[in-house]
Amino acid sequence: MRAPPPVEFTSAFGRAWRAALSLLVGASVAVPLAWGLPYFAAHWGSPQPDVLLEALADPRGQALIAIWGAAMAVAAFWLARRRSTAGGRTLRWDGHDWVLAGDAGRPDQRGDAALMLDLGPWMLVRFLPYAGMGSATWLPLTAGLDLARWAALRGALWNWRAGRGDARP
């Protein structure tokens, strides 16, 4: 079987990707609150003491919750800042291997690209460098205005077989 033709595509963290991440973060905050609120509502005016409500009334418990919230806010800000300076990454199929193009601080990496989610005009690709070259990189890819390269990239991702050297013509 012949290898798919070479193609290069740049990942960009656009508005849709940021909106999806915001929804995910919002859901991860809302779910514990949705589970906890009925418990608090049921035990709020109870004449029997409740351990959890007493812990929330304790100033040390309140301080721990405030510290935890501040730590989460700092972590979210740091991650958002790191992502905003990262910019887009370029994924390239050269006919033999997948290559994640480097930038000023990183060299090019060869490895395996796996299509994790394909929604037509939007894909999520996981790039795994070959052994010892780094960790997995997740790339959100959107069709944008370059439909010819988009079709070639989808064809390469769907038709490429995993394993180093499998896709050689």
Protein backbone atom coordinates (compact mmCIF):
# COMPACT_ATOMS: atom_id res chain seq x y z
CA MET A 1 0.00 0.00 0.00
CA ARG A 2 1.27 3.45 -0.90
CA ALA A 3 1.80 6.11 1.74
CA PRO A 4 -0.43 9.20 1.76
CA PRO A 5 1.14 12.26 0.09
CA PRO A 6 3.13 14.74 2.21
CA VAL A 7 1.11 17.43 3.96
CA GLU A 8 1.71 20.15 6.55
CA PHE A 9 -0.89 21.77 8.81
CA THR A 10 -0.65 24.31 11.62
CA SER A 11 -2.58 23.94 14.85
CA ALA A 12 -4.12 27.15 16.13
CA PHE A 13 -5.84 27.69 19.46
CA GLY A 14 -8.87 29.50 18.07
CA ARG A 15 -12.08 30.71 19.67
CA ALA A 16 -13.85 27.35 19.35
CA TRP A 17 -11.03 25.54 21.16
CA ARG A 18 -10.94 28.13 23.94
CA ALA A 19 -14.75 27.98 24.27
CA ALA A 20 -14.64 24.19 24.58
CA LEU A 21 -11.96 24.41 27.28
CA SER A 22 -13.96 27.06 29.13
CA LEU A 23 -17.05 24.85 29.08
CA LEU A 24 -15.02 21.94 30.39
CA VAL A 25 -13.57 24.02 33.24
CA GLY A 26 -17.00 25.44 34.04
CA ALA A 27 -18.52 21.96 34.15
CA SER A 28 -15.73 20.70 36.41
CA VAL A 29 -16.53 23.50 38.87
CA ALA A 30 -20.31 23.20 38.58
CA VAL A 31 -20.60 19.44 39.12
CA PRO A 32 -19.23 19.35 42.70
CA LEU A 33 -21.38 22.35 43.56
CA ALA A 34 -24.45 20.67 42.08
CA TRP A 35 -23.73 17.55 44.15
CA GLY A 36 -23.04 19.49 47.35
CA LEU A 37 -25.86 22.03 47.31
CA PRO A 38 -28.71 19.52 47.91
CA TYR A 39 -26.76 18.12 50.87
CA PHE A 40 -26.27 21.56 52.40
CA ALA A 41 -29.91 22.51 51.75
CA ALA A 42 -31.13 19.33 53.48
CA HIS A 43 -28.91 19.80 56.55
CA TRP A 44 -28.86 23.61 56.90
CA GLY A 45 -31.62 24.10 59.46
CA SER A 46 -31.31 20.69 61.12
CA PRO A 47 -31.29 20.64 64.93
CA GLN A 48 -28.63 17.89 64.88
CA PRO A 49 -25.06 19.10 64.41
CA ASP A 50 -23.50 18.26 61.04
CA VAL A 51 -19.74 17.70 60.84
CA LEU A 52 -19.35 19.18 57.36
CA LEU A 53 -21.33 22.33 58.14
CA GLU A 54 -19.39 22.81 61.38
CA ALA A 55 -16.14 22.53 59.43
CA LEU A 56 -17.32 25.25 57.06
CA ALA A 57 -18.17 27.49 60.02
CA ASP A 58 -14.66 27.08 61.46
CA PRO A 59 -12.29 29.92 60.43
CA ARG A 60 -9.51 27.40 59.76
CA GLY A 61 -11.78 25.53 57.32
CA GLN A 62 -12.67 28.79 55.62
CA ALA A 63 -8.99 29.69 55.35
CA LEU A 64 -8.19 26.30 53.79
CA ILE A 65 -10.97 26.76 51.24
CA ALA A 66 -9.71 30.27 50.43
CA ILE A 67 -6.13 29.00 50.00
CA TRP A 68 -7.34 26.15 47.79
CA GLY A 69 -9.37 28.59 45.65
CA ALA A 70 -6.41 30.94 45.33
CA ALA A 71 -4.10 28.08 44.35
CA MET A 72 -6.56 26.96 41.66
CA ALA A 73 -6.86 30.53 40.33
CA VAL A 74 -3.06 30.91 40.18
CA ALA A 75 -2.70 27.53 38.44
CA ALA A 76 -5.40 28.42 35.89
CA PHE A 77 -3.78 31.80 35.21
CA TRP A 78 -0.34 30.23 34.82
CA LEU A 79 -1.64 27.56 32.41
CA ALA A 80 -3.58 30.12 30.38
CA ARG A 81 -0.52 32.36 30.17
CA ARG A 82 1.68 29.44 29.12
CA ARG A 83 -0.79 28.41 26.41
CA SER A 84 -1.21 31.94 25.09
CA THR A 85 2.54 32.32 24.55
CA ALA A 86 2.88 28.86 22.99
CA GLY A 87 1.14 29.77 19.73
CA GLY A 88 0.42 27.23 17.03
CA ARG A 89 2.38 24.09 16.30
CA THR A 90 2.90 22.63 12.84
CA LEU A 91 2.23 18.94 12.20
CA ARG A 92 3.83 17.54 9.07
CA TRP A 93 3.55 14.19 7.30
CA ASP A 94 6.61 13.81 5.10
CA GLY A 95 5.58 10.55 3.46
CA HIS A 96 7.56 8.44 5.96
CA ASP A 97 7.07 9.87 9.45
CA TRP A 98 5.02 12.40 11.33
CA VAL A 99 7.02 15.47 12.38
CA LEU A 100 6.02 18.08 14.93
CA ALA A 101 7.88 21.20 13.86
CA GLY A 102 9.88 22.90 16.56
CA ASP A 103 10.27 26.56 17.33
CA ALA A 104 13.08 28.66 18.79
CA GLY A 105 13.38 26.57 21.97
CA ARG A 106 12.47 23.12 20.64
CA PRO A 107 13.86 20.97 17.84
CA ASP A 108 11.69 19.10 15.35
CA GLN A 109 10.30 15.84 16.77
CA ARG A 110 9.53 12.68 14.84
CA GLY A 111 6.83 10.39 16.16
CA ASP A 112 3.35 8.96 15.78
CA ALA A 113 0.19 11.01 15.24
CA ALA A 114 -3.14 9.51 16.26
CA LEU A 115 -6.52 10.91 15.34
CA MET A 116 -8.43 10.97 18.63
CA LEU A 117 -11.55 12.91 17.62
CA ASP A 118 -12.82 13.78 14.15
CA LEU A 119 -15.81 16.11 13.95
CA GLY A 120 -15.47 17.00 10.26
CA PRO A 121 -14.17 20.57 10.34
CA TRP A 122 -12.47 20.03 13.71
CA MET A 123 -10.03 17.30 14.82
CA LEU A 124 -8.09 16.50 17.96
CA VAL A 125 -4.76 14.80 17.25
CA ARG A 126 -2.33 13.31 19.77
CA PHE A 127 1.31 13.39 18.75
CA LEU A 128 3.60 10.93 20.57
CA PRO A 129 7.31 11.44 19.93
CA TYR A 130 9.45 8.38 19.50
CA ALA A 131 10.94 6.93 22.69
CA GLY A 132 12.88 9.31 24.87
CA MET A 133 12.09 12.47 22.92
CA GLY A 134 9.36 14.02 25.11
CA SER A 135 5.76 13.72 26.17
CA ALA A 136 2.51 13.66 24.20
CA THR A 137 1.31 16.83 22.53
CA TRP A 138 -2.39 17.43 21.87
CA LEU A 139 -3.17 19.42 18.75
CA PRO A 140 -6.59 20.95 18.04
CA LEU A 141 -6.92 21.33 14.29
CA THR A 142 -9.61 23.28 12.42
CA ALA A 143 -10.31 23.30 8.70
CA GLY A 144 -10.26 27.08 8.32
CA LEU A 145 -9.96 28.27 4.75
CA ASP A 146 -7.42 25.71 3.49
CA LEU A 147 -9.74 22.84 2.53
CA ALA A 148 -7.26 21.18 0.13
CA ARG A 149 -4.61 20.69 2.83
CA TRP A 150 -7.36 19.77 5.33
CA ALA A 151 -8.51 16.92 3.07
CA ALA A 152 -4.92 15.76 2.57
CA LEU A 153 -4.28 15.85 6.35
CA ARG A 154 -7.45 13.88 7.10
CA GLY A 155 -6.48 11.35 4.46
CA ALA A 156 -2.99 10.97 5.94
CA LEU A 157 -4.34 10.58 9.48
CA TRP A 158 -6.99 8.05 8.46
CA ASN A 159 -4.77 6.01 6.12
CA TRP A 160 -1.47 6.02 7.96
CA ARG A 161 -0.71 2.82 9.86
CA ALA A 162 0.94 3.03 13.27
CA GLY A 163 4.45 1.71 13.74
CA ARG A 164 7.71 3.24 12.74
CA GLY A 165 8.40 2.65 9.08
CA ASP A 166 5.02 1.07 8.26
CA ALA A 167 3.94 3.80 5.88
CA ARG A 168 6.91 3.69 3.55
CA PRO A 169 5.91 3.32 -0.14
